């Protein structure tokens, strides 16, 4: 139901293997999509995906650090040059909104589309439509930082084949119409969709984005969470050497939090450049502390999160070429 495309998985600065932070999110089956963070060159990374910048409906910036936002003005400018007319929502801390407005003004960018600037402080919940809600969840970092909680809901009709056969409804267009909730006529009879189908509701919840020194700050939102996407800048040994002043998390800290919270799916990202050639140390550390489904993301990786009944939501991984991450 939710698709995630990693555009950048490096911490602080880009390297040959990884760009800085960027994560595209889309509800399966919809054309519009959303961007969480836009580090420098994010729009260039988009060119290697099937995502059309013209269909980007919203950009959510977690905090005002350059590796999470320096690509935003360039993306907005390119959308303007492409002739976009559809509105674009930018949702983030007040500092981001002030900076973007000043940059657009001072660089004389002509916007042929409405730019809706929305503050995560003033508006922590953004109900996009009946099936999609975003919530800003406060994190622990040097500046005001939020993760983005995404709740996607879907209502589908499930046809009752026995009922259809009992009413002698032939397979084909009539079945399709009933599944869409339409009333049909057959041999002088009116058949309502509720006679031959039931409405099934499903949903998934994920939290992702942002830098965070204290994974447990997300504990109030962990119950029932299907997927956590969290920074894991360092292995525990490097974190111990650097100390808590770095205001980032280690792999072990995130893995232990996810294990304690019963979160079934975990994706780690935002890795220090010291690990870009070999993430085996981080993979082992995650395995030591977490028993669920875990992946170390690489640029270009795509994941799909789908509801499952019974049991936890299912996370499906599509491997990108030339990657240096991977499932554990």
C-alpha atoms as a PDB file:
ATOM      1  CA  UNK A   1       0.000   0.000   0.000  1.00  0.00           C
ATOM      2  CA  UNK A   2       2.907   2.392   0.734  1.00  0.00           C
ATOM      3  CA  UNK A   3       5.939   2.561  -1.522  1.00  0.00           C
ATOM      4  CA  UNK A   4       9.268   4.022  -0.377  1.00  0.00           C
ATOM      5  CA  UNK A   5      12.121   4.981  -2.701  1.00  0.00           C
ATOM      6  CA  UNK A   6      15.425   5.947  -1.089  1.00  0.00           C
ATOM      7  CA  UNK A   7      17.068   8.832  -2.942  1.00  0.00           C
ATOM      8  CA  UNK A   8      19.873   9.426  -0.440  1.00  0.00           C
ATOM      9  CA  UNK A   9      21.169   7.392   2.485  1.00  0.00           C
ATOM     10  CA  UNK A  10      24.345   9.219   3.536  1.00  0.00           C
ATOM     11  CA  UNK A  11      24.893  11.245   6.686  1.00  0.00           C
ATOM     12  CA  UNK A  12      26.223  14.791   6.436  1.00  0.00           C
ATOM     13  CA  UNK A  13      27.774  14.799   2.964  1.00  0.00           C
ATOM     14  CA  UNK A  14      27.452  12.793  -0.251  1.00  0.00           C
ATOM     15  CA  UNK A  15      29.955  10.142  -1.287  1.00  0.00           C
ATOM     16  CA  UNK A  16      30.481   8.130  -4.452  1.00  0.00           C
ATOM     17  CA  UNK A  17      28.053   5.483  -3.212  1.00  0.00           C
ATOM     18  CA  UNK A  18      25.413   7.539  -1.428  1.00  0.00           C
ATOM     19  CA  UNK A  19      23.736  10.915  -1.715  1.00  0.00           C
ATOM     20  CA  UNK A  20      22.452  12.904   1.258  1.00  0.00           C
ATOM     21  CA  UNK A  21      18.966  12.461   2.671  1.00  0.00           C
ATOM     22  CA  UNK A  22      15.926  12.069   0.459  1.00  0.00           C
ATOM     23  CA  UNK A  23      13.006   9.635   0.654  1.00  0.00           C
ATOM     24  CA  UNK A  24      10.079   9.442  -1.768  1.00  0.00           C
ATOM     25  CA  UNK A  25       6.758   8.037  -0.539  1.00  0.00           C
ATOM     26  CA  UNK A  26       3.774   7.016  -2.625  1.00  0.00           C
ATOM     27  CA  UNK A  27       0.502   5.235  -1.998  1.00  0.00           C
ATOM     28  CA  UNK A  28       0.411   2.246  -4.340  1.00  0.00           C
ATOM     29  CA  UNK A  29      -1.848   2.858  -7.310  1.00  0.00           C
ATOM     30  CA  UNK A  30      -1.741   6.661  -7.061  1.00  0.00           C
ATOM     31  CA  UNK A  31       0.190   8.975  -9.344  1.00  0.00           C
ATOM     32  CA  UNK A  32       0.933  11.664  -6.770  1.00  0.00           C
ATOM     33  CA  UNK A  33       3.814  11.151  -4.365  1.00  0.00           C
ATOM     34  CA  UNK A  34       5.572  12.933  -1.511  1.00  0.00           C
ATOM     35  CA  UNK A  35       9.163  13.728  -0.634  1.00  0.00           C
ATOM     36  CA  UNK A  36      10.602  13.535   2.876  1.00  0.00           C
ATOM     37  CA  UNK A  37      13.758  15.656   2.979  1.00  0.00           C
ATOM     38  CA  UNK A  38      15.609  17.039  -0.028  1.00  0.00           C
ATOM     39  CA  UNK A  39      19.346  17.045   0.390  1.00  0.00           C
ATOM     40  CA  UNK A  40      21.532  18.550  -2.312  1.00  0.00           C
ATOM     41  CA  UNK A  41      21.098  16.812  -5.721  1.00  0.00           C
ATOM     42  CA  UNK A  42      17.857  15.079  -4.720  1.00  0.00           C
ATOM     43  CA  UNK A  43      16.246  16.137  -7.995  1.00  0.00           C
ATOM     44  CA  UNK A  44      19.143  14.556  -9.880  1.00  0.00           C
ATOM     45  CA  UNK A  45      18.589  11.274  -8.020  1.00  0.00           C
ATOM     46  CA  UNK A  46      14.937  11.420  -9.039  1.00  0.00           C
ATOM     47  CA  UNK A  47      15.996  11.148 -12.684  1.00  0.00           C
ATOM     48  CA  UNK A  48      17.061   7.559 -12.025  1.00  0.00           C
ATOM     49  CA  UNK A  49      13.571   6.598 -10.811  1.00  0.00           C
ATOM     50  CA  UNK A  50      10.144   6.280 -12.379  1.00  0.00           C
ATOM     51  CA  UNK A  51       8.848   9.152 -10.254  1.00  0.00           C
ATOM     52  CA  UNK A  52       7.789  12.250 -12.162  1.00  0.00           C
ATOM     53  CA  UNK A  53       8.666  15.538 -10.415  1.00  0.00           C
ATOM     54  CA  UNK A  54       5.459  16.949 -11.914  1.00  0.00           C
ATOM     55  CA  UNK A  55       3.461  14.516  -9.758  1.00  0.00           C
ATOM     56  CA  UNK A  56       5.171  15.517  -6.502  1.00  0.00           C
ATOM     57  CA  UNK A  57       2.330  16.841  -4.351  1.00  0.00           C
ATOM     58  CA  UNK A  58       4.237  17.703  -1.186  1.00  0.00           C
ATOM     59  CA  UNK A  59       7.711  18.078   0.267  1.00  0.00           C
ATOM     60  CA  UNK A  60       8.206  17.507   3.981  1.00  0.00           C
ATOM     61  CA  UNK A  61      11.478  18.760   5.476  1.00  0.00           C
ATOM     62  CA  UNK A  62      12.340  17.286   8.856  1.00  0.00           C
ATOM     63  CA  UNK A  63      14.815  19.955   9.996  1.00  0.00           C
ATOM     64  CA  UNK A  64      17.025  22.832   8.925  1.00  0.00           C
ATOM     65  CA  UNK A  65      20.309  21.046   8.344  1.00  0.00           C
ATOM     66  CA  UNK A  66      21.823  21.274   4.897  1.00  0.00           C
ATOM     67  CA  UNK A  67      22.034  17.551   4.166  1.00  0.00           C
ATOM     68  CA  UNK A  68      18.250  17.420   4.557  1.00  0.00           C
ATOM     69  CA  UNK A  69      17.178  20.623   2.794  1.00  0.00           C
ATOM     70  CA  UNK A  70      19.772  22.130   0.411  1.00  0.00           C
ATOM     71  CA  UNK A  71      18.112  20.466  -2.567  1.00  0.00           C
ATOM     72  CA  UNK A  72      14.715  22.049  -1.904  1.00  0.00           C
ATOM     73  CA  UNK A  73      15.177  25.441  -3.657  1.00  0.00           C
ATOM     74  CA  UNK A  74      16.626  23.731  -6.729  1.00  0.00           C
ATOM     75  CA  UNK A  75      13.710  21.330  -6.923  1.00  0.00           C
ATOM     76  CA  UNK A  76      11.185  24.170  -6.577  1.00  0.00           C
ATOM     77  CA  UNK A  77      13.017  26.174  -9.259  1.00  0.00           C
ATOM     78  CA  UNK A  78      13.073  23.222 -11.658  1.00  0.00           C
ATOM     79  CA  UNK A  79       9.368  22.640 -11.156  1.00  0.00           C
ATOM     80  CA  UNK A  80       8.785  26.285 -12.044  1.00  0.00           C
ATOM     81  CA  UNK A  81      10.909  25.992 -15.204  1.00  0.00           C
ATOM     82  CA  UNK A  82       8.952  22.903 -16.242  1.00  0.00           C
ATOM     83  CA  UNK A  83       5.733  24.929 -16.360  1.00  0.00           C
ATOM     84  CA  UNK A  84       4.066  23.287 -13.400  1.00  0.00           C
ATOM     85  CA  UNK A  85       0.723  24.841 -12.420  1.00  0.00           C
ATOM     86  CA  UNK A  86      -0.473  22.404  -9.733  1.00  0.00           C
ATOM     87  CA  UNK A  87       0.015  23.579  -6.130  1.00  0.00           C
ATOM     88  CA  UNK A  88       3.004  22.337  -4.139  1.00  0.00           C
ATOM     89  CA  UNK A  89       2.850  21.965  -0.375  1.00  0.00           C
ATOM     90  CA  UNK A  90       6.053  22.409   1.624  1.00  0.00           C
ATOM     91  CA  UNK A  91       5.660  21.317   5.252  1.00  0.00           C
ATOM     92  CA  UNK A  92       8.450  21.823   7.743  1.00  0.00           C
ATOM     93  CA  UNK A  93       9.886  23.824  10.658  1.00  0.00           C
ATOM     94  CA  UNK A  94       9.451  27.604  10.604  1.00  0.00           C
ATOM     95  CA  UNK A  95      13.157  28.074   9.837  1.00  0.00           C
ATOM     96  CA  UNK A  96      12.775  26.065   6.619  1.00  0.00           C
ATOM     97  CA  UNK A  97       9.736  28.041   5.491  1.00  0.00           C
ATOM     98  CA  UNK A  98      11.462  31.379   6.145  1.00  0.00           C
ATOM     99  CA  UNK A  99      14.620  30.243   4.356  1.00  0.00           C
ATOM    100  CA  UNK A 100      12.743  28.938   1.316  1.00  0.00           C
ATOM    101  CA  UNK A 101      10.627  32.089   1.001  1.00  0.00           C
ATOM    102  CA  UNK A 102      13.745  34.274   1.211  1.00  0.00           C
ATOM    103  CA  UNK A 103      15.606  32.124  -1.328  1.00  0.00           C
ATOM    104  CA  UNK A 104      12.752  32.264  -3.827  1.00  0.00           C
ATOM    105  CA  UNK A 105      12.539  36.040  -3.422  1.00  0.00           C
ATOM    106  CA  UNK A 106      16.262  36.800  -3.546  1.00  0.00           C
ATOM    107  CA  UNK A 107      16.946  34.551  -6.531  1.00  0.00           C
ATOM    108  CA  UNK A 108      13.986  35.921  -8.520  1.00  0.00           C
ATOM    109  CA  UNK A 109      12.300  32.564  -9.034  1.00  0.00           C
ATOM    110  CA  UNK A 110       8.985  33.033 -10.818  1.00  0.00           C
ATOM    111  CA  UNK A 111       6.534  30.433  -9.575  1.00  0.00           C
ATOM    112  CA  UNK A 112       3.674  29.626 -11.964  1.00  0.00           C
ATOM    113  CA  UNK A 113       2.097  27.464  -9.246  1.00  0.00           C
ATOM    114  CA  UNK A 114       0.840  28.150  -5.702  1.00  0.00           C
ATOM    115  CA  UNK A 115       3.418  27.339  -3.034  1.00  0.00           C
ATOM    116  CA  UNK A 116       1.692  26.409   0.216  1.00  0.00           C
ATOM    117  CA  UNK A 117       4.083  26.805   3.161  1.00  0.00           C
ATOM    118  CA  UNK A 118       2.842  24.924   6.218  1.00  0.00           C
ATOM    119  CA  UNK A 119       4.534  24.820   9.602  1.00  0.00           C
ATOM    120  CA  UNK A 120       5.003  21.526  11.416  1.00  0.00           C
ATOM    121  CA  UNK A 121       4.937  23.456  14.694  1.00  0.00           C
ATOM    122  CA  UNK A 122       1.620  25.180  14.001  1.00  0.00           C
ATOM    123  CA  UNK A 123       0.118  22.272  12.044  1.00  0.00           C
ATOM    124  CA  UNK A 124       1.559  18.973  13.341  1.00  0.00           C
ATOM    125  CA  UNK A 125      -1.118  16.908  11.586  1.00  0.00           C
ATOM    126  CA  UNK A 126      -1.719  17.142   7.850  1.00  0.00           C
ATOM    127  CA  UNK A 127      -4.788  15.200   6.688  1.00  0.00           C
ATOM    128  CA  UNK A 128      -4.152  14.980   2.973  1.00  0.00           C
ATOM    129  CA  UNK A 129      -7.378  13.149   2.131  1.00  0.00           C
ATOM    130  CA  UNK A 130      -9.602  10.409   3.549  1.00  0.00           C
ATOM    131  CA  UNK A 131      -6.963   7.777   2.902  1.00  0.00           C
ATOM    132  CA  UNK A 132      -3.728   9.555   3.820  1.00  0.00           C
ATOM    133  CA  UNK A 133      -2.646  11.404   6.961  1.00  0.00           C
ATOM    134  CA  UNK A 134       0.790  12.785   7.914  1.00  0.00           C
ATOM    135  CA  UNK A 135       1.797  13.612  11.495  1.00  0.00           C
ATOM    136  CA  UNK A 136       4.952  15.391  12.666  1.00  0.00           C
ATOM    137  CA  UNK A 137       6.596  13.515  15.544  1.00  0.00           C
ATOM    138  CA  UNK A 138       9.186  15.437  17.561  1.00  0.00           C
ATOM    139  CA  UNK A 139      12.737  14.069  17.635  1.00  0.00           C
ATOM    140  CA  UNK A 140      15.851  14.843  19.692  1.00  0.00           C
ATOM    141  CA  UNK A 141      18.474  16.736  17.680  1.00  0.00           C
ATOM    142  CA  UNK A 142      20.459  20.016  17.735  1.00  0.00           C
ATOM    143  CA  UNK A 143      17.622  21.914  16.037  1.00  0.00           C
ATOM    144  CA  UNK A 144      13.837  21.495  15.886  1.00  0.00           C
ATOM    145  CA  UNK A 145      13.373  18.172  14.130  1.00  0.00           C
ATOM    146  CA  UNK A 146      10.388  15.980  13.338  1.00  0.00           C
ATOM    147  CA  UNK A 147       9.946  12.528  11.916  1.00  0.00           C
ATOM    148  CA  UNK A 148       6.950  11.999   9.636  1.00  0.00           C
ATOM    149  CA  UNK A 149       4.317   9.453  10.605  1.00  0.00           C
ATOM    150  CA  UNK A 150       2.323   8.251   7.614  1.00  0.00           C
ATOM    151  CA  UNK A 151      -1.047   6.542   7.956  1.00  0.00           C
ATOM    152  CA  UNK A 152      -2.505   5.109   4.745  1.00  0.00           C
ATOM    153  CA  UNK A 153      -5.994   3.622   4.757  1.00  0.00           C
ATOM    154  CA  UNK A 154      -7.812   1.746   2.021  1.00  0.00           C
ATOM    155  CA  UNK A 155     -11.427   0.603   1.638  1.00  0.00           C
ATOM    156  CA  UNK A 156     -12.041  -2.185  -0.861  1.00  0.00           C
ATOM    157  CA  UNK A 157     -15.028  -4.311  -1.764  1.00  0.00           C
ATOM    158  CA  UNK A 158     -14.488  -8.036  -1.592  1.00  0.00           C
ATOM    159  CA  UNK A 159     -16.843  -9.968  -3.826  1.00  0.00           C
ATOM    160  CA  UNK A 160     -18.693 -13.000  -2.450  1.00  0.00           C
ATOM    161  CA  UNK A 161     -18.410 -15.571  -5.224  1.00  0.00           C
ATOM    162  CA  UNK A 162     -21.087 -17.831  -3.719  1.00  0.00           C
ATOM    163  CA  UNK A 163     -23.563 -14.936  -3.609  1.00  0.00           C
ATOM    164  CA  UNK A 164     -22.736 -13.980  -7.196  1.00  0.00           C
ATOM    165  CA  UNK A 165     -23.269 -17.536  -8.389  1.00  0.00           C
ATOM    166  CA  UNK A 166     -26.505 -17.838  -6.432  1.00  0.00           C
ATOM    167  CA  UNK A 167     -27.823 -14.738  -8.214  1.00  0.00           C
ATOM    168  CA  UNK A 168     -26.437 -16.083 -11.523  1.00  0.00           C
ATOM    169  CA  UNK A 169     -24.290 -13.019 -12.161  1.00  0.00           C
ATOM    170  CA  UNK A 170     -21.856 -13.936 -14.954  1.00  0.00           C
ATOM    171  CA  UNK A 171     -18.176 -13.127 -14.598  1.00  0.00           C
ATOM    172  CA  UNK A 172     -17.083 -10.050 -16.511  1.00  0.00           C
ATOM    173  CA  UNK A 173     -18.054  -6.374 -16.521  1.00  0.00           C
ATOM    174  CA  UNK A 174     -20.892  -6.856 -14.024  1.00  0.00           C
ATOM    175  CA  UNK A 175     -18.498  -8.234 -11.428  1.00  0.00           C
ATOM    176  CA  UNK A 176     -16.227  -5.256 -11.985  1.00  0.00           C
ATOM    177  CA  UNK A 177     -19.093  -2.787 -11.591  1.00  0.00           C
ATOM    178  CA  UNK A 178     -20.243  -4.411  -8.361  1.00  0.00           C
ATOM    179  CA  UNK A 179     -16.713  -4.343  -6.993  1.00  0.00           C
ATOM    180  CA  UNK A 180     -16.616  -0.600  -7.689  1.00  0.00           C
ATOM    181  CA  UNK A 181     -19.770  -0.224  -5.608  1.00  0.00           C
ATOM    182  CA  UNK A 182     -22.152   0.243  -8.524  1.00  0.00           C
ATOM    183  CA  UNK A 183     -25.676  -1.156  -8.726  1.00  0.00           C
ATOM    184  CA  UNK A 184     -26.308  -3.317 -11.804  1.00  0.00           C
ATOM    185  CA  UNK A 185     -29.312  -4.726 -13.653  1.00  0.00           C
ATOM    186  CA  UNK A 186     -29.529  -8.307 -14.847  1.00  0.00           C
ATOM    187  CA  UNK A 187     -32.546  -9.859 -16.563  1.00  0.00           C
ATOM    188  CA  UNK A 188     -34.885  -7.282 -15.051  1.00  0.00           C
ATOM    189  CA  UNK A 189     -33.407  -7.643 -11.580  1.00  0.00           C
ATOM    190  CA  UNK A 190     -31.573  -4.898  -9.667  1.00  0.00           C
ATOM    191  CA  UNK A 191     -28.516  -6.163  -7.807  1.00  0.00           C
ATOM    192  CA  UNK A 192     -26.912  -3.889  -5.212  1.00  0.00           C
ATOM    193  CA  UNK A 193     -23.227  -4.247  -4.354  1.00  0.00           C
ATOM    194  CA  UNK A 194     -24.020  -4.975  -0.700  1.00  0.00           C
ATOM    195  CA  UNK A 195     -25.858  -8.132  -1.784  1.00  0.00           C
ATOM    196  CA  UNK A 196     -22.729  -9.700  -3.205  1.00  0.00           C
ATOM    197  CA  UNK A 197     -19.796  -8.020  -1.479  1.00  0.00           C
ATOM    198  CA  UNK A 198     -18.441  -6.687   1.790  1.00  0.00           C
ATOM    199  CA  UNK A 199     -16.313  -3.614   2.423  1.00  0.00           C
ATOM    200  CA  UNK A 200     -12.902  -4.459   3.833  1.00  0.00           C
ATOM    201  CA  UNK A 201     -10.800  -1.748   5.463  1.00  0.00           C
ATOM    202  CA  UNK A 202      -7.032  -1.991   5.819  1.00  0.00           C
ATOM    203  CA  UNK A 203      -4.262   0.373   6.852  1.00  0.00           C
ATOM    204  CA  UNK A 204      -0.530   0.682   7.397  1.00  0.00           C
ATOM    205  CA  UNK A 205       1.496   3.044   9.608  1.00  0.00           C
ATOM    206  CA  UNK A 206       5.104   4.051   9.117  1.00  0.00           C
ATOM    207  CA  UNK A 207       7.436   6.592  10.700  1.00  0.00           C
ATOM    208  CA  UNK A 208      10.479   7.887   8.859  1.00  0.00           C
ATOM    209  CA  UNK A 209      12.873  10.745   8.290  1.00  0.00           C
ATOM    210  CA  UNK A 210      14.912  13.092  10.424  1.00  0.00           C
ATOM    211  CA  UNK A 211      17.941  12.848  12.707  1.00  0.00           C
ATOM    212  CA  UNK A 212      17.453  11.643  16.254  1.00  0.00           C
ATOM    213  CA  UNK A 213      19.678  11.056  19.277  1.00  0.00           C
ATOM    214  CA  UNK A 214      17.001   9.299  21.345  1.00  0.00           C
ATOM    215  CA  UNK A 215      15.000   6.560  19.598  1.00  0.00           C
ATOM    216  CA  UNK A 216      12.821   6.139  22.705  1.00  0.00           C
ATOM    217  CA  UNK A 217      11.336   9.589  22.111  1.00  0.00           C
ATOM    218  CA  UNK A 218       9.142   7.788  19.561  1.00  0.00           C
ATOM    219  CA  UNK A 219       7.851   5.297  22.156  1.00  0.00           C
ATOM    220  CA  UNK A 220       4.427   7.005  22.488  1.00  0.00           C
ATOM    221  CA  UNK A 221       3.858   6.356  18.776  1.00  0.00           C
ATOM    222  CA  UNK A 222       5.299   2.845  18.521  1.00  0.00           C
ATOM    223  CA  UNK A 223       2.233   0.774  19.407  1.00  0.00           C
ATOM    224  CA  UNK A 224       0.833  -0.778  16.260  1.00  0.00           C
ATOM    225  CA  UNK A 225       3.543   0.743  14.071  1.00  0.00           C
ATOM    226  CA  UNK A 226       4.211  -1.351  10.950  1.00  0.00           C
ATOM    227  CA  UNK A 227       7.530   0.183   9.859  1.00  0.00           C
ATOM    228  CA  UNK A 228      10.214   2.380  11.364  1.00  0.00           C
ATOM    229  CA  UNK A 229      12.691   4.116   9.057  1.00  0.00           C
ATOM    230  CA  UNK A 230      15.398   5.576  11.269  1.00  0.00           C
ATOM    231  CA  UNK A 231      18.835   7.078  11.012  1.00  0.00           C
ATOM    232  CA  UNK A 232      21.711   4.878  12.176  1.00  0.00           C
ATOM    233  CA  UNK A 233      24.695   7.113  11.614  1.00  0.00           C
ATOM    234  CA  UNK A 234      27.214   5.038  13.563  1.00  0.00           C
ATOM    235  CA  UNK A 235      27.946   1.606  14.875  1.00  0.00           C
ATOM    236  CA  UNK A 236      27.963   1.447  18.656  1.00  0.00           C
ATOM    237  CA  UNK A 237      31.768   1.444  18.937  1.00  0.00           C
ATOM    238  CA  UNK A 238      32.088   4.666  16.924  1.00  0.00           C
ATOM    239  CA  UNK A 239      29.170   6.218  18.818  1.00  0.00           C
ATOM    240  CA  UNK A 240      30.829   5.381  22.162  1.00  0.00           C
ATOM    241  CA  UNK A 241      34.030   7.026  20.983  1.00  0.00           C
ATOM    242  CA  UNK A 242      32.299  10.186  19.730  1.00  0.00           C
ATOM    243  CA  UNK A 243      29.926  10.488  22.666  1.00  0.00           C
ATOM    244  CA  UNK A 244      26.309  11.692  22.974  1.00  0.00           C
ATOM    245  CA  UNK A 245      27.190  15.225  21.841  1.00  0.00           C
ATOM    246  CA  UNK A 246      26.956  14.052  18.225  1.00  0.00           C
ATOM    247  CA  UNK A 247      23.137  13.947  18.614  1.00  0.00           C
ATOM    248  CA  UNK A 248      22.728  10.900  16.367  1.00  0.00           C
ATOM    249  CA  UNK A 249      21.792   7.278  16.973  1.00  0.00           C
ATOM    250  CA  UNK A 250      23.810   4.100  16.733  1.00  0.00           C
ATOM    251  CA  UNK A 251      22.525   0.973  15.019  1.00  0.00           C
ATOM    252  CA  UNK A 252      22.302  -0.841  18.353  1.00  0.00           C
ATOM    253  CA  UNK A 253      20.226   1.921  19.954  1.00  0.00           C
ATOM    254  CA  UNK A 254      17.676   1.904  17.148  1.00  0.00           C
ATOM    255  CA  UNK A 255      17.583  -1.886  16.925  1.00  0.00           C
ATOM    256  CA  UNK A 256      17.018  -2.284  20.657  1.00  0.00           C
ATOM    257  CA  UNK A 257      14.215   0.288  20.604  1.00  0.00           C
ATOM    258  CA  UNK A 258      12.488  -1.444  17.677  1.00  0.00           C
ATOM    259  CA  UNK A 259      12.833  -4.822  19.413  1.00  0.00           C
ATOM    260  CA  UNK A 260      11.429  -3.539  22.726  1.00  0.00           C
ATOM    261  CA  UNK A 261       8.557  -1.824  20.944  1.00  0.00           C
ATOM    262  CA  UNK A 262       7.598  -4.872  18.899  1.00  0.00           C
ATOM    263  CA  UNK A 263       7.946  -3.025  15.587  1.00  0.00           C
ATOM    264  CA  UNK A 264       7.930  -5.768  12.917  1.00  0.00           C
ATOM    265  CA  UNK A 265       9.818  -3.927  10.162  1.00  0.00           C
ATOM    266  CA  UNK A 266      12.894  -1.699  10.383  1.00  0.00           C
ATOM    267  CA  UNK A 267      14.886   0.149   7.711  1.00  0.00           C
ATOM    268  CA  UNK A 268      18.142   1.826   8.718  1.00  0.00           C
ATOM    269  CA  UNK A 269      19.592   4.749   6.767  1.00  0.00           C
ATOM    270  CA  UNK A 270      21.754   7.916   7.094  1.00  0.00           C
ATOM    271  CA  UNK A 271      25.105   6.129   7.451  1.00  0.00           C
ATOM    272  CA  UNK A 272      28.408   7.818   8.189  1.00  0.00           C
ATOM    273  CA  UNK A 273      30.848   7.790   5.253  1.00  0.00           C
ATOM    274  CA  UNK A 274      33.202   5.543   7.250  1.00  0.00           C
ATOM    275  CA  UNK A 275      30.843   2.621   6.444  1.00  0.00           C
ATOM    276  CA  UNK A 276      30.071   3.279   2.794  1.00  0.00           C
ATOM    277  CA  UNK A 277      32.451   0.664   1.476  1.00  0.00           C
ATOM    278  CA  UNK A 278      31.387  -2.041   3.918  1.00  0.00           C
ATOM    279  CA  UNK A 279      28.268  -2.104   6.091  1.00  0.00           C
ATOM    280  CA  UNK A 280      28.808  -5.630   7.427  1.00  0.00           C
ATOM    281  CA  UNK A 281      29.638  -4.275  10.891  1.00  0.00           C
ATOM    282  CA  UNK A 282      26.340  -2.393  11.001  1.00  0.00           C
ATOM    283  CA  UNK A 283      24.423  -5.389   9.664  1.00  0.00           C
ATOM    284  CA  UNK A 284      25.807  -7.639  12.387  1.00  0.00           C
ATOM    285  CA  UNK A 285      25.023  -5.063  15.057  1.00  0.00           C
ATOM    286  CA  UNK A 286      21.424  -4.869  13.896  1.00  0.00           C
ATOM    287  CA  UNK A 287      21.116  -8.676  13.884  1.00  0.00           C
ATOM    288  CA  UNK A 288      22.477  -8.819  17.421  1.00  0.00           C
ATOM    289  CA  UNK A 289      19.708  -6.622  18.792  1.00  0.00           C
ATOM    290  CA  UNK A 290      16.676  -6.970  16.509  1.00  0.00           C
ATOM    291  CA  UNK A 291      14.734 -10.068  15.432  1.00  0.00           C
ATOM    292  CA  UNK A 292      12.265  -8.536  12.985  1.00  0.00           C
ATOM    293  CA  UNK A 293      12.596  -7.803   9.274  1.00  0.00           C
ATOM    294  CA  UNK A 294      15.490  -5.361   8.870  1.00  0.00           C
ATOM    295  CA  UNK A 295      17.193  -3.702   5.902  1.00  0.00           C
ATOM    296  CA  UNK A 296      20.143  -1.366   5.519  1.00  0.00           C
ATOM    297  CA  UNK A 297      18.959   1.002   2.797  1.00  0.00           C
ATOM    298  CA  UNK A 298      21.035   1.994  -0.211  1.00  0.00           C
ATOM    299  CA  UNK A 299      20.356   4.736  -2.740  1.00  0.00           C
ATOM    300  CA  UNK A 300      17.752   3.581  -5.231  1.00  0.00           C
ATOM    301  CA  UNK A 301      16.234   0.897  -3.017  1.00  0.00           C
ATOM    302  CA  UNK A 302      12.472   0.526  -3.242  1.00  0.00           C
ATOM    303  CA  UNK A 303      10.256  -1.029  -0.566  1.00  0.00           C
ATOM    304  CA  UNK A 304       6.525  -1.747  -0.481  1.00  0.00           C
ATOM    305  CA  UNK A 305       4.640  -1.985   2.803  1.00  0.00           C
ATOM    306  CA  UNK A 306       1.336  -3.858   2.555  1.00  0.00           C
ATOM    307  CA  UNK A 307      -1.227  -4.855   5.187  1.00  0.00           C
ATOM    308  CA  UNK A 308      -1.467  -8.535   6.016  1.00  0.00           C
ATOM    309  CA  UNK A 309      -4.182 -10.365   7.867  1.00  0.00           C
ATOM    310  CA  UNK A 310      -3.468 -12.075  10.115  1.00  0.00           C
ATOM    311  CA  UNK A 311      -0.036 -10.962  11.199  1.00  0.00           C
ATOM    312  CA  UNK A 312       2.133  -7.864  10.793  1.00  0.00           C
ATOM    313  CA  UNK A 313       2.314  -5.765   7.652  1.00  0.00           C
ATOM    314  CA  UNK A 314       4.548  -7.204   4.947  1.00  0.00           C
ATOM    315  CA  UNK A 315       7.629  -5.316   3.759  1.00  0.00           C
ATOM    316  CA  UNK A 316       8.814  -6.237   0.258  1.00  0.00           C
ATOM    317  CA  UNK A 317      12.265  -5.158  -0.905  1.00  0.00           C
ATOM    318  CA  UNK A 318      13.331  -4.457  -4.479  1.00  0.00           C
ATOM    319  CA  UNK A 319      17.107  -4.449  -4.856  1.00  0.00           C
ATOM    320  CA  UNK A 320      18.819  -1.631  -6.715  1.00  0.00           C
ATOM    321  CA  UNK A 321      21.858  -2.228  -8.903  1.00  0.00           C
ATOM    322  CA  UNK A 322      25.315  -1.432  -7.559  1.00  0.00           C
ATOM    323  CA  UNK A 323      24.046  -1.188  -4.003  1.00  0.00           C
ATOM    324  CA  UNK A 324      26.014  -1.322  -0.787  1.00  0.00           C
ATOM    325  CA  UNK A 325      23.195  -1.952   1.674  1.00  0.00           C
ATOM    326  CA  UNK A 326      20.903  -4.933   1.930  1.00  0.00           C
ATOM    327  CA  UNK A 327      18.472  -7.047   3.898  1.00  0.00           C
ATOM    328  CA  UNK A 328      19.750  -8.801   7.008  1.00  0.00           C
END
